[in-house]
Amino acid sequence: VLGGAENIQSLEACITRLRLTVKDDTIIDDDKLKKLGATGVMRMGKNALQVIVGTKADLIAQEMKKHMKKAGGKI
């Protein structure tokens, strides 16, 4: 959906959104993100996007960071 841990360069939570910087934005699947519960995806530039997930954004970001570390990600 996001291209795996190797595609994510940065990940932060901001109240109701996940703010991401990715290496390749062409592999981001907006429709699958929405099927997983995101209410929207905003593209903020070539490699930056925000995924609107509601008030659980911080919890989701923490869990994503744990999984990314296990997968060898730098975050």
C-alpha atoms as a PDB file:
ATOM      1  CA  VAL A   1       0.000   0.000   0.000  1.00  0.00           C
ATOM      2  CA  LEU A   2       2.860   2.389   0.909  1.00  0.00           C
ATOM      3  CA  GLY A   3       5.625   0.501  -0.842  1.00  0.00           C
ATOM      4  CA  GLY A   4       7.091  -1.150   2.239  1.00  0.00           C
ATOM      5  CA  ALA A   5       9.478   0.103   4.907  1.00  0.00           C
ATOM      6  CA  GLU A   6      12.171   0.741   2.321  1.00  0.00           C
ATOM      7  CA  ASN A   7       9.965   3.293   0.553  1.00  0.00           C
ATOM      8  CA  ILE A   8       9.193   5.391   3.640  1.00  0.00           C
ATOM      9  CA  GLN A   9      11.792   8.060   4.387  1.00  0.00           C
ATOM     10  CA  SER A  10       9.942   9.788   7.228  1.00  0.00           C
ATOM     11  CA  LEU A  11       6.749   9.215   9.171  1.00  0.00           C
ATOM     12  CA  GLU A  12       5.111  11.513  11.708  1.00  0.00           C
ATOM     13  CA  ALA A  13       1.652  11.790  13.232  1.00  0.00           C
ATOM     14  CA  CYS A  14      -0.173  15.106  13.372  1.00  0.00           C
ATOM     15  CA  ILE A  15      -3.497  14.957  15.275  1.00  0.00           C
ATOM     16  CA  THR A  16      -5.590  13.168  12.599  1.00  0.00           C
ATOM     17  CA  ARG A  17      -3.019  12.556   9.871  1.00  0.00           C
ATOM     18  CA  LEU A  18       0.048  10.549   9.064  1.00  0.00           C
ATOM     19  CA  ARG A  19       2.649  12.727   7.366  1.00  0.00           C
ATOM     20  CA  LEU A  20       4.961  10.743   5.136  1.00  0.00           C
ATOM     21  CA  THR A  21       7.896  11.381   2.875  1.00  0.00           C
ATOM     22  CA  VAL A  22       8.470   8.526   0.458  1.00  0.00           C
ATOM     23  CA  LYS A  23      11.106   7.642  -2.117  1.00  0.00           C
ATOM     24  CA  ASP A  24       8.619   6.699  -4.842  1.00  0.00           C
ATOM     25  CA  ASP A  25       5.111   8.135  -4.636  1.00  0.00           C
ATOM     26  CA  THR A  26       3.953   6.294  -7.759  1.00  0.00           C
ATOM     27  CA  ILE A  27       3.603   3.027  -5.832  1.00  0.00           C
ATOM     28  CA  ILE A  28       1.295   4.471  -3.155  1.00  0.00           C
ATOM     29  CA  ASP A  29      -2.164   2.907  -3.514  1.00  0.00           C
ATOM     30  CA  ASP A  30      -4.713   5.535  -2.411  1.00  0.00           C
ATOM     31  CA  ASP A  31      -7.677   3.200  -2.926  1.00  0.00           C
ATOM     32  CA  LYS A  32      -6.197   0.480  -0.709  1.00  0.00           C
ATOM     33  CA  LEU A  33      -5.403   3.063   1.987  1.00  0.00           C
ATOM     34  CA  LYS A  34      -9.051   4.107   1.946  1.00  0.00           C
ATOM     35  CA  LYS A  35     -10.186   0.471   2.119  1.00  0.00           C
ATOM     36  CA  LEU A  36      -7.985   0.093   5.209  1.00  0.00           C
ATOM     37  CA  GLY A  37      -9.802   2.978   6.915  1.00  0.00           C
ATOM     38  CA  ALA A  38      -8.171   6.187   5.718  1.00  0.00           C
ATOM     39  CA  THR A  39     -10.735   8.868   4.971  1.00  0.00           C
ATOM     40  CA  GLY A  40      -8.457  10.561   2.475  1.00  0.00           C
ATOM     41  CA  VAL A  41      -4.986  10.908   0.999  1.00  0.00           C
ATOM     42  CA  MET A  42      -3.505  14.319   0.272  1.00  0.00           C
ATOM     43  CA  ARG A  43      -0.462  14.613  -1.959  1.00  0.00           C
ATOM     44  CA  MET A  44       1.649  17.522  -0.781  1.00  0.00           C
ATOM     45  CA  GLY A  45       4.300  17.349  -3.479  1.00  0.00           C
ATOM     46  CA  LYS A  46       6.243  14.792  -5.453  1.00  0.00           C
ATOM     47  CA  ASN A  47       7.288  12.676  -2.476  1.00  0.00           C
ATOM     48  CA  ALA A  48       5.178  13.997   0.410  1.00  0.00           C
ATOM     49  CA  LEU A  49       1.720  12.900   1.390  1.00  0.00           C
ATOM     50  CA  GLN A  50      -0.694  12.956   4.288  1.00  0.00           C
ATOM     51  CA  VAL A  51      -2.993  10.065   5.058  1.00  0.00           C
ATOM     52  CA  ILE A  52      -6.073  11.128   7.006  1.00  0.00           C
ATOM     53  CA  VAL A  53      -6.825   8.424   9.572  1.00  0.00           C
ATOM     54  CA  GLY A  54      -8.573  10.225  12.434  1.00  0.00           C
ATOM     55  CA  THR A  55      -7.629  10.567  16.075  1.00  0.00           C
ATOM     56  CA  LYS A  56      -5.701   7.273  16.111  1.00  0.00           C
ATOM     57  CA  ALA A  57      -2.957   8.745  13.907  1.00  0.00           C
ATOM     58  CA  ASP A  58      -0.372   8.735  16.699  1.00  0.00           C
ATOM     59  CA  LEU A  59      -1.088   5.122  17.635  1.00  0.00           C
ATOM     60  CA  ILE A  60      -0.943   4.045  13.982  1.00  0.00           C
ATOM     61  CA  ALA A  61       2.363   5.891  13.464  1.00  0.00           C
ATOM     62  CA  GLN A  62       3.888   4.238  16.553  1.00  0.00           C
ATOM     63  CA  GLU A  63       2.876   0.780  15.353  1.00  0.00           C
ATOM     64  CA  MET A  64       4.137   1.469  11.837  1.00  0.00           C
ATOM     65  CA  LYS A  65       7.503   2.605  13.219  1.00  0.00           C
ATOM     66  CA  LYS A  66       7.810  -0.600  15.275  1.00  0.00           C
ATOM     67  CA  HIS A  67       7.151  -2.754  12.218  1.00  0.00           C
ATOM     68  CA  MET A  68       9.498  -0.686  10.074  1.00  0.00           C
ATOM     69  CA  LYS A  69      12.342  -1.130  12.571  1.00  0.00           C
ATOM     70  CA  LYS A  70      11.762  -4.881  12.557  1.00  0.00           C
ATOM     71  CA  ALA A  71      11.853  -4.822   8.753  1.00  0.00           C
ATOM     72  CA  GLY A  72      15.181  -2.993   8.797  1.00  0.00           C
ATOM     73  CA  GLY A  73      13.826   0.494   8.172  1.00  0.00           C
ATOM     74  CA  LYS A  74      15.708   3.521   9.470  1.00  0.00           C
ATOM     75  CA  ILE A  75      12.755   5.075  11.256  1.00  0.00           C
END
